[in-house]
C-alpha atoms as a PDB file:
ATOM      1  CA  MET A   1      46.785 -81.102 -64.743  1.00  0.00           C
ATOM      2  CA  ARG A   2      48.779 -78.552 -66.608  1.00  0.00           C
ATOM      3  CA  ALA A   3      46.954 -75.662 -64.782  1.00  0.00           C
ATOM      4  CA  LEU A   4      47.585 -77.314 -61.454  1.00  0.00           C
ATOM      5  CA  ARG A   5      51.300 -77.648 -62.256  1.00  0.00           C
ATOM      6  CA  ILE A   6      51.525 -73.996 -63.206  1.00  0.00           C
ATOM      7  CA  THR A   7      49.705 -72.994 -60.010  1.00  0.00           C
ATOM      8  CA  LEU A   8      52.118 -75.011 -57.897  1.00  0.00           C
ATOM      9  CA  ILE A   9      55.169 -73.457 -59.640  1.00  0.00           C
ATOM     10  CA  VAL A  10      53.712 -69.976 -59.052  1.00  0.00           C
ATOM     11  CA  LEU A  11      53.147 -70.728 -55.377  1.00  0.00           C
ATOM     12  CA  LEU A  12      56.663 -72.079 -55.033  1.00  0.00           C
ATOM     13  CA  VAL A  13      58.098 -68.950 -56.737  1.00  0.00           C
ATOM     14  CA  PHE A  14      56.182 -66.645 -54.502  1.00  0.00           C
ATOM     15  CA  GLY A  15      57.077 -68.734 -51.464  1.00  0.00           C
ATOM     16  CA  GLY A  16      60.697 -68.420 -52.301  1.00  0.00           C
ATOM     17  CA  LEU A  17      60.476 -64.708 -52.797  1.00  0.00           C
ATOM     18  CA  PHE A  18      58.787 -64.379 -49.392  1.00  0.00           C
ATOM     19  CA  VAL A  19      61.387 -66.461 -47.683  1.00  0.00           C
ATOM     20  CA  GLY A  20      64.141 -64.388 -49.395  1.00  0.00           C
ATOM     21  CA  ALA A  21      62.587 -61.085 -48.428  1.00  0.00           C
ATOM     22  CA  ASP A  22      62.116 -62.436 -44.864  1.00  0.00           C
ATOM     23  CA  ARG A  23      65.775 -63.425 -44.558  1.00  0.00           C
ATOM     24  CA  ILE A  24      66.994 -60.151 -46.063  1.00  0.00           C
ATOM     25  CA  SER A  25      64.815 -58.183 -43.638  1.00  0.00           C
ATOM     26  CA  VAL A  26      66.005 -60.085 -40.648  1.00  0.00           C
ATOM     27  CA  GLY A  27      69.615 -59.611 -41.582  1.00  0.00           C
ATOM     28  CA  LEU A  28      69.229 -55.878 -41.865  1.00  0.00           C
ATOM     29  CA  VAL A  29      67.549 -55.615 -38.427  1.00  0.00           C
ATOM     30  CA  GLU A  30      70.203 -57.897 -36.851  1.00  0.00           C
ATOM     31  CA  ASP A  31      72.919 -55.669 -38.233  1.00  0.00           C
ATOM     32  CA  ARG A  32      71.133 -52.595 -36.855  1.00  0.00           C
ATOM     33  CA  LEU A  33      70.624 -53.959 -33.461  1.00  0.00           C
ATOM     34  CA  ALA A  34      74.266 -55.173 -33.334  1.00  0.00           C
ATOM     35  CA  GLU A  35      75.582 -51.715 -34.212  1.00  0.00           C
ATOM     36  CA  LYS A  36      73.429 -50.106 -31.468  1.00  0.00           C
ATOM     37  CA  LEU A  37      74.606 -52.667 -28.875  1.00  0.00           C
ATOM     38  CA  LYS A  38      78.183 -52.274 -29.842  1.00  0.00           C
ATOM     39  CA  ALA A  39      77.938 -48.441 -29.522  1.00  0.00           C
ATOM     40  CA  SER A  40      76.007 -48.404 -26.268  1.00  0.00           C
ATOM     41  CA  GLN A  41      78.125 -50.983 -24.447  1.00  0.00           C
ATOM     42  CA  GLY A  42      81.551 -49.838 -25.965  1.00  0.00           C
ATOM     43  CA  ALA A  43      82.084 -53.435 -27.244  1.00  0.00           C
ATOM     44  CA  SER A  44      84.830 -54.271 -29.737  1.00  0.00           C
ATOM     45  CA  GLU A  45      82.412 -56.646 -31.526  1.00  0.00           C
ATOM     46  CA  ALA A  46      78.697 -57.427 -31.385  1.00  0.00           C
ATOM     47  CA  GLN A  47      76.534 -60.057 -33.080  1.00  0.00           C
ATOM     48  CA  VAL A  48      72.717 -60.443 -32.954  1.00  0.00           C
ATOM     49  CA  SER A  49      70.632 -63.347 -34.066  1.00  0.00           C
ATOM     50  CA  ILE A  50      66.750 -63.078 -34.369  1.00  0.00           C
ATOM     51  CA  ASN A  51      65.181 -66.508 -34.149  1.00  0.00           C
ATOM     52  CA  GLY A  52      61.818 -67.476 -35.359  1.00  0.00           C
ATOM     53  CA  PHE A  53      60.042 -67.503 -38.712  1.00  0.00           C
ATOM     54  CA  PRO A  54      58.450 -65.674 -40.377  1.00  0.00           C
ATOM     55  CA  PHE A  55      60.323 -62.607 -39.234  1.00  0.00           C
ATOM     56  CA  LEU A  56      58.024 -60.263 -41.143  1.00  0.00           C
ATOM     57  CA  THR A  57      55.106 -61.369 -39.038  1.00  0.00           C
ATOM     58  CA  GLN A  58      57.110 -60.444 -35.934  1.00  0.00           C
ATOM     59  CA  VAL A  59      57.750 -57.045 -37.488  1.00  0.00           C
ATOM     60  CA  ALA A  60      53.910 -56.602 -38.027  1.00  0.00           C
ATOM     61  CA  THR A  61      53.211 -57.288 -34.449  1.00  0.00           C
ATOM     62  CA  LYS A  62      56.338 -55.357 -33.241  1.00  0.00           C
ATOM     63  CA  GLU A  63      57.332 -58.288 -30.922  1.00  0.00           C
ATOM     64  CA  LEU A  64      60.338 -60.423 -31.467  1.00  0.00           C
ATOM     65  CA  ASP A  65      60.022 -63.929 -29.997  1.00  0.00           C
ATOM     66  CA  ASP A  66      63.640 -64.837 -29.318  1.00  0.00           C
ATOM     67  CA  VAL A  67      66.897 -62.906 -29.755  1.00  0.00           C
ATOM     68  CA  GLU A  68      70.417 -63.907 -28.983  1.00  0.00           C
ATOM     69  CA  ALA A  69      73.265 -61.466 -28.685  1.00  0.00           C
ATOM     70  CA  LYS A  70      76.985 -61.815 -28.163  1.00  0.00           C
ATOM     71  CA  LEU A  71      79.352 -58.889 -27.293  1.00  0.00           C
ATOM     72  CA  THR A  72      83.095 -59.119 -26.923  1.00  0.00           C
ATOM     73  CA  GLY A  73      85.710 -56.814 -25.355  1.00  0.00           C
ATOM     74  CA  VAL A  74      83.443 -54.794 -23.010  1.00  0.00           C
ATOM     75  CA  THR A  75      85.436 -52.758 -20.472  1.00  0.00           C
ATOM     76  CA  THR A  76      83.719 -51.523 -17.258  1.00  0.00           C
ATOM     77  CA  SER A  77      85.025 -49.218 -14.555  1.00  0.00           C
ATOM     78  CA  ASP A  78      83.993 -48.394 -11.052  1.00  0.00           C
ATOM     79  CA  GLY A  79      86.096 -45.200 -11.057  1.00  0.00           C
ATOM     80  CA  GLU A  80      89.143 -46.919  -9.620  1.00  0.00           C
ATOM     81  CA  LYS A  81      90.169 -49.964 -11.685  1.00  0.00           C
ATOM     82  CA  ALA A  82      88.877 -51.068 -15.063  1.00  0.00           C
ATOM     83  CA  LEU A  83      87.647 -54.605 -15.552  1.00  0.00           C
ATOM     84  CA  ARG A  84      87.366 -56.156 -19.034  1.00  0.00           C
ATOM     85  CA  VAL A  85      84.625 -58.692 -19.719  1.00  0.00           C
ATOM     86  CA  SER A  86      85.942 -60.845 -22.548  1.00  0.00           C
ATOM     87  CA  GLU A  87      82.459 -61.895 -23.629  1.00  0.00           C
ATOM     88  CA  PHE A  88      78.775 -61.336 -22.940  1.00  0.00           C
ATOM     89  CA  GLU A  89      76.158 -63.805 -24.131  1.00  0.00           C
ATOM     90  CA  LEU A  90      72.537 -62.651 -23.840  1.00  0.00           C
ATOM     91  CA  ARG A  91      69.268 -64.373 -24.692  1.00  0.00           C
ATOM     92  CA  ALA A  92      66.109 -62.311 -24.620  1.00  0.00           C
ATOM     93  CA  ARG A  93      62.545 -63.393 -25.183  1.00  0.00           C
ATOM     94  CA  ASN A  94      59.286 -61.595 -26.087  1.00  0.00           C
ATOM     95  CA  ILE A  95      60.827 -58.320 -27.013  1.00  0.00           C
ATOM     96  CA  GLU A  96      58.505 -55.319 -27.598  1.00  0.00           C
ATOM     97  CA  VAL A  97      60.250 -53.045 -30.209  1.00  0.00           C
ATOM     98  CA  GLY A  98      59.690 -49.434 -30.703  1.00  0.00           C
ATOM     99  CA  GLY A  99      60.203 -46.960 -33.440  1.00  0.00           C
ATOM    100  CA  ASN A 100      62.384 -48.181 -36.358  1.00  0.00           C
ATOM    101  CA  PHE A 101      63.709 -51.013 -34.248  1.00  0.00           C
ATOM    102  CA  SER A 102      65.661 -48.376 -32.287  1.00  0.00           C
ATOM    103  CA  SER A 103      64.607 -49.658 -28.949  1.00  0.00           C
ATOM    104  CA  GLY A 104      63.464 -52.907 -27.380  1.00  0.00           C
ATOM    105  CA  VAL A 105      62.332 -54.155 -23.994  1.00  0.00           C
ATOM    106  CA  ALA A 106      62.339 -57.997 -23.357  1.00  0.00           C
ATOM    107  CA  ARG A 107      59.907 -59.605 -21.020  1.00  0.00           C
ATOM    108  CA  THR A 108      62.676 -61.829 -19.816  1.00  0.00           C
ATOM    109  CA  ALA A 109      66.462 -62.075 -20.461  1.00  0.00           C
ATOM    110  CA  GLU A 110      69.318 -64.178 -19.224  1.00  0.00           C
ATOM    111  CA  GLY A 111      72.967 -64.638 -20.050  1.00  0.00           C
ATOM    112  CA  THR A 112      76.534 -65.097 -18.990  1.00  0.00           C
ATOM    113  CA  ALA A 113      79.569 -62.777 -18.635  1.00  0.00           C
ATOM    114  CA  TYR A 114      82.949 -64.410 -19.151  1.00  0.00           C
ATOM    115  CA  LEU A 115      86.064 -63.031 -17.345  1.00  0.00           C
ATOM    116  CA  THR A 116      89.529 -64.422 -18.149  1.00  0.00           C
ATOM    117  CA  TYR A 117      92.102 -64.754 -15.375  1.00  0.00           C
ATOM    118  CA  GLU A 118      94.258 -62.293 -17.321  1.00  0.00           C
ATOM    119  CA  ASP A 119      91.565 -59.691 -17.060  1.00  0.00           C
ATOM    120  CA  LEU A 120      90.878 -60.381 -13.461  1.00  0.00           C
ATOM    121  CA  SER A 121      94.677 -60.020 -12.820  1.00  0.00           C
ATOM    122  CA  ALA A 122      94.723 -56.720 -14.733  1.00  0.00           C
ATOM    123  CA  ALA A 123      91.830 -55.395 -12.496  1.00  0.00           C
ATOM    124  CA  ALA A 124      93.754 -56.357  -9.342  1.00  0.00           C
ATOM    125  CA  GLU A 125      96.439 -54.377  -7.455  1.00  0.00           C
ATOM    126  CA  GLU A 126      99.912 -54.265  -8.929  1.00  0.00           C
ATOM    127  CA  GLY A 127     101.864 -57.395  -8.444  1.00  0.00           C
ATOM    128  CA  VAL A 128      98.747 -59.590  -7.901  1.00  0.00           C
ATOM    129  CA  THR A 129      97.726 -62.383 -10.238  1.00  0.00           C
ATOM    130  CA  VAL A 130      94.514 -64.413 -10.304  1.00  0.00           C
ATOM    131  CA  SER A 131      94.507 -67.983 -11.626  1.00  0.00           C
ATOM    132  CA  TRP A 132      92.528 -71.214 -11.518  1.00  0.00           C
ATOM    133  CA  GLY A 133      92.057 -72.398  -8.016  1.00  0.00           C
ATOM    134  CA  GLY A 134      91.193 -75.970  -8.580  1.00  0.00           C
ATOM    135  CA  ALA A 135      88.035 -77.945  -7.981  1.00  0.00           C
ATOM    136  CA  ALA A 136      85.693 -76.555  -5.277  1.00  0.00           C
ATOM    137  CA  GLU A 137      82.643 -77.724  -3.361  1.00  0.00           C
ATOM    138  CA  GLU A 138      79.276 -77.511  -4.972  1.00  0.00           C
ATOM    139  CA  GLY A 139      78.070 -73.930  -5.315  1.00  0.00           C
ATOM    140  CA  GLU A 140      81.441 -72.376  -4.590  1.00  0.00           C
ATOM    141  CA  ALA A 141      83.821 -70.590  -7.040  1.00  0.00           C
ATOM    142  CA  LYS A 142      87.450 -70.597  -6.007  1.00  0.00           C
ATOM    143  CA  VAL A 143      90.509 -68.923  -7.638  1.00  0.00           C
ATOM    144  CA  LYS A 144      94.104 -68.830  -6.634  1.00  0.00           C
ATOM    145  CA  VAL A 145      95.416 -65.319  -5.879  1.00  0.00           C
ATOM    146  CA  THR A 146      99.189 -64.702  -5.735  1.00  0.00           C
ATOM    147  CA  GLY A 147     100.723 -61.420  -4.626  1.00  0.00           C
ATOM    148  CA  SER A 148     103.947 -59.857  -3.587  1.00  0.00           C
ATOM    149  CA  ILE A 149     103.619 -58.119  -0.237  1.00  0.00           C
ATOM    150  CA  GLU A 150     106.119 -55.891   1.511  1.00  0.00           C
ATOM    151  CA  LEU A 151     106.124 -56.705   5.279  1.00  0.00           C
ATOM    152  CA  PRO A 152     106.868 -53.554   7.264  1.00  0.00           C
ATOM    153  CA  LEU A 153     107.960 -55.390  10.344  1.00  0.00           C
ATOM    154  CA  VAL A 154     110.781 -57.246   8.581  1.00  0.00           C
ATOM    155  CA  GLY A 155     111.404 -54.766   5.777  1.00  0.00           C
ATOM    156  CA  ARG A 156     111.306 -57.170   2.994  1.00  0.00           C
ATOM    157  CA  GLU A 157     108.910 -58.326   0.248  1.00  0.00           C
ATOM    158  CA  VAL A 158     107.502 -61.844   0.209  1.00  0.00           C
ATOM    159  CA  GLU A 159     105.285 -63.645  -2.306  1.00  0.00           C
ATOM    160  CA  ARG A 160     102.290 -65.585  -0.998  1.00  0.00           C
ATOM    161  CA  SER A 161      99.443 -67.442  -2.562  1.00  0.00           C
ATOM    162  CA  THR A 162      96.017 -68.234  -1.206  1.00  0.00           C
ATOM    163  CA  THR A 163      92.586 -69.423  -2.338  1.00  0.00           C
ATOM    164  CA  SER A 164      89.890 -66.772  -2.762  1.00  0.00           C
ATOM    165  CA  THR A 165      86.162 -67.129  -3.100  1.00  0.00           C
ATOM    166  CA  VAL A 166      84.501 -65.297  -6.003  1.00  0.00           C
ATOM    167  CA  SER A 167      80.978 -64.050  -5.404  1.00  0.00           C
ATOM    168  CA  VAL A 168      78.545 -61.449  -6.719  1.00  0.00           C
ATOM    169  CA  GLU A 169      77.067 -58.654  -4.634  1.00  0.00           C
ATOM    170  CA  ASN A 170      74.277 -56.173  -5.002  1.00  0.00           C
ATOM    171  CA  GLY A 171      73.331 -57.608  -8.387  1.00  0.00           C
ATOM    172  CA  ASP A 172      76.218 -55.780 -10.259  1.00  0.00           C
ATOM    173  CA  THR A 173      79.513 -56.348  -8.448  1.00  0.00           C
ATOM    174  CA  VAL A 174      82.148 -59.138  -8.468  1.00  0.00           C
ATOM    175  CA  ARG A 175      83.968 -59.743  -5.191  1.00  0.00           C
ATOM    176  CA  LEU A 176      87.233 -61.704  -4.560  1.00  0.00           C
ATOM    177  CA  HIS A 177      87.809 -62.526  -0.961  1.00  0.00           C
ATOM    178  CA  ALA A 178      90.660 -64.687   0.451  1.00  0.00           C
ATOM    179  CA  ASP A 179      89.632 -67.575   2.536  1.00  0.00           C
ATOM    180  CA  ALA A 180      92.694 -67.350   4.682  1.00  0.00           C
ATOM    181  CA  ILE A 181      95.806 -65.217   4.894  1.00  0.00           C
ATOM    182  CA  PRO A 182      99.231 -66.919   5.233  1.00  0.00           C
ATOM    183  CA  GLY A 183     101.091 -65.501   8.225  1.00  0.00           C
ATOM    184  CA  SER A 184      97.994 -63.748   9.589  1.00  0.00           C
ATOM    185  CA  ASP A 185      99.081 -64.688  13.112  1.00  0.00           C
ATOM    186  CA  LEU A 186     101.502 -61.762  12.897  1.00  0.00           C
ATOM    187  CA  PRO A 187     100.061 -58.380  14.118  1.00  0.00           C
ATOM    188  CA  GLY A 188      98.635 -56.302  11.362  1.00  0.00           C
ATOM    189  CA  ILE A 189      99.618 -58.700   8.545  1.00  0.00           C
ATOM    190  CA  GLU A 190      96.073 -59.796   7.603  1.00  0.00           C
ATOM    191  CA  ASP A 191      94.882 -56.187   7.041  1.00  0.00           C
ATOM    192  CA  ILE A 192      97.951 -55.471   4.874  1.00  0.00           C
ATOM    193  CA  VAL A 193      97.582 -58.521   2.705  1.00  0.00           C
ATOM    194  CA  ARG A 194      93.757 -58.171   2.373  1.00  0.00           C
ATOM    195  CA  LYS A 195      94.156 -54.548   1.074  1.00  0.00           C
ATOM    196  CA  LYS A 196      96.420 -56.016  -1.605  1.00  0.00           C
ATOM    197  CA  ILE A 197      94.596 -59.040  -2.749  1.00  0.00           C
ATOM    198  CA  ASP A 198      90.923 -58.646  -1.875  1.00  0.00           C
ATOM    199  CA  TYR A 199      88.877 -56.516  -4.232  1.00  0.00           C
ATOM    200  CA  THR A 200      85.402 -55.734  -5.555  1.00  0.00           C
ATOM    201  CA  ARG A 201      84.726 -54.546  -9.081  1.00  0.00           C
ATOM    202  CA  LYS A 202      81.459 -53.245 -10.463  1.00  0.00           C
ATOM    203  CA  ILE A 203      80.282 -54.448 -13.872  1.00  0.00           C
ATOM    204  CA  ASN A 204      78.679 -51.484 -15.538  1.00  0.00           C
ATOM    205  CA  GLY A 205      78.158 -52.994 -18.956  1.00  0.00           C
ATOM    206  CA  LEU A 206      75.068 -54.997 -18.131  1.00  0.00           C
ATOM    207  CA  PRO A 207      71.790 -54.298 -19.972  1.00  0.00           C
ATOM    208  CA  ALA A 208      69.368 -52.171 -17.872  1.00  0.00           C
ATOM    209  CA  GLY A 209      67.044 -54.388 -15.867  1.00  0.00           C
ATOM    210  CA  VAL A 210      69.354 -57.432 -15.245  1.00  0.00           C
ATOM    211  CA  GLU A 211      71.267 -58.555 -12.121  1.00  0.00           C
ATOM    212  CA  LEU A 212      74.180 -60.875 -11.507  1.00  0.00           C
ATOM    213  CA  ASN A 213      72.965 -63.960  -9.741  1.00  0.00           C
ATOM    214  CA  GLY A 214      75.574 -66.708  -9.999  1.00  0.00           C
ATOM    215  CA  VAL A 215      79.256 -67.359 -10.455  1.00  0.00           C
ATOM    216  CA  ARG A 216      81.407 -70.357 -11.388  1.00  0.00           C
ATOM    217  CA  ALA A 217      85.185 -70.669 -11.722  1.00  0.00           C
ATOM    218  CA  THR A 218      86.606 -72.791 -14.522  1.00  0.00           C
ATOM    219  CA  LYS A 219      90.101 -73.503 -15.878  1.00  0.00           C
ATOM    220  CA  GLN A 220      89.510 -70.860 -18.538  1.00  0.00           C
ATOM    221  CA  GLY A 221      88.190 -68.128 -16.221  1.00  0.00           C
ATOM    222  CA  VAL A 222      85.144 -67.029 -14.273  1.00  0.00           C
ATOM    223  CA  GLU A 223      81.577 -67.322 -15.600  1.00  0.00           C
ATOM    224  CA  ILE A 224      79.010 -64.983 -14.066  1.00  0.00           C
ATOM    225  CA  THR A 225      75.249 -65.562 -14.878  1.00  0.00           C
ATOM    226  CA  PHE A 226      72.633 -62.803 -14.909  1.00  0.00           C
ATOM    227  CA  SER A 227      68.932 -62.532 -15.555  1.00  0.00           C
ATOM    228  CA  GLY A 228      66.105 -60.078 -15.399  1.00  0.00           C
ATOM    229  CA  GLU A 229      62.599 -59.032 -16.437  1.00  0.00           C
ATOM    230  CA  LYS A 230      61.511 -56.008 -18.464  1.00  0.00           C
ATOM    231  CA  VAL A 231      65.092 -55.715 -19.672  1.00  0.00           C
ATOM    232  CA  ASN A 232      66.096 -52.912 -22.050  1.00  0.00           C
ATOM    233  CA  VAL A 233      68.256 -54.801 -24.567  1.00  0.00           C
ATOM    234  CA  THR A 234      69.299 -51.729 -26.654  1.00  0.00           C
ATOM    235  CA  GLU A 235      70.797 -49.636 -23.838  1.00  0.00           C
END
């Protein structure tokens, strides 16, 4: 009985040491991946969580089952105007890692990019603000766009608001397009106003291999979903 008790104690001790080593190892790799993501995406902050236990077994097979990442403060530019993405959330599965965890390709990945109305306004033309547009029909994302427009025919500046639809194009671009233009019955007015309030902005901070595939407007901002296969999660 005494021998059995000693054996159990030894097993518990070694089990605790293994768990401790496992958690220390996963913490080091999480920090390493977070630093690489932060540098490659130009983020202000990055966090990585590696799910699954034991981690050391995943290391031995060089395949991580499930990884979650969060990046904040990523700024992208299409060469004209910069667009800040306040937060990226990414979940990748079945990641084959290479080298000393310096690279990784996920079999599948999905996530969400969050854009605040303040950041959308900053990416618009001067004098244009973007805000919550109220509830919309199923599958549509609507925002309110307000802008000051100088009317050449009357020689004065007027402020107008309209509802715009937010959509994604080409798997990497966000588009705002006004549903209707107030005063568009006047010659040339619609083109003038649209040049001011309609815009497209490319999101360059996406992991290689994913595409934008959905958009939703909320009171807090615009949420854009993305997904992909064979996604490089470290570049």
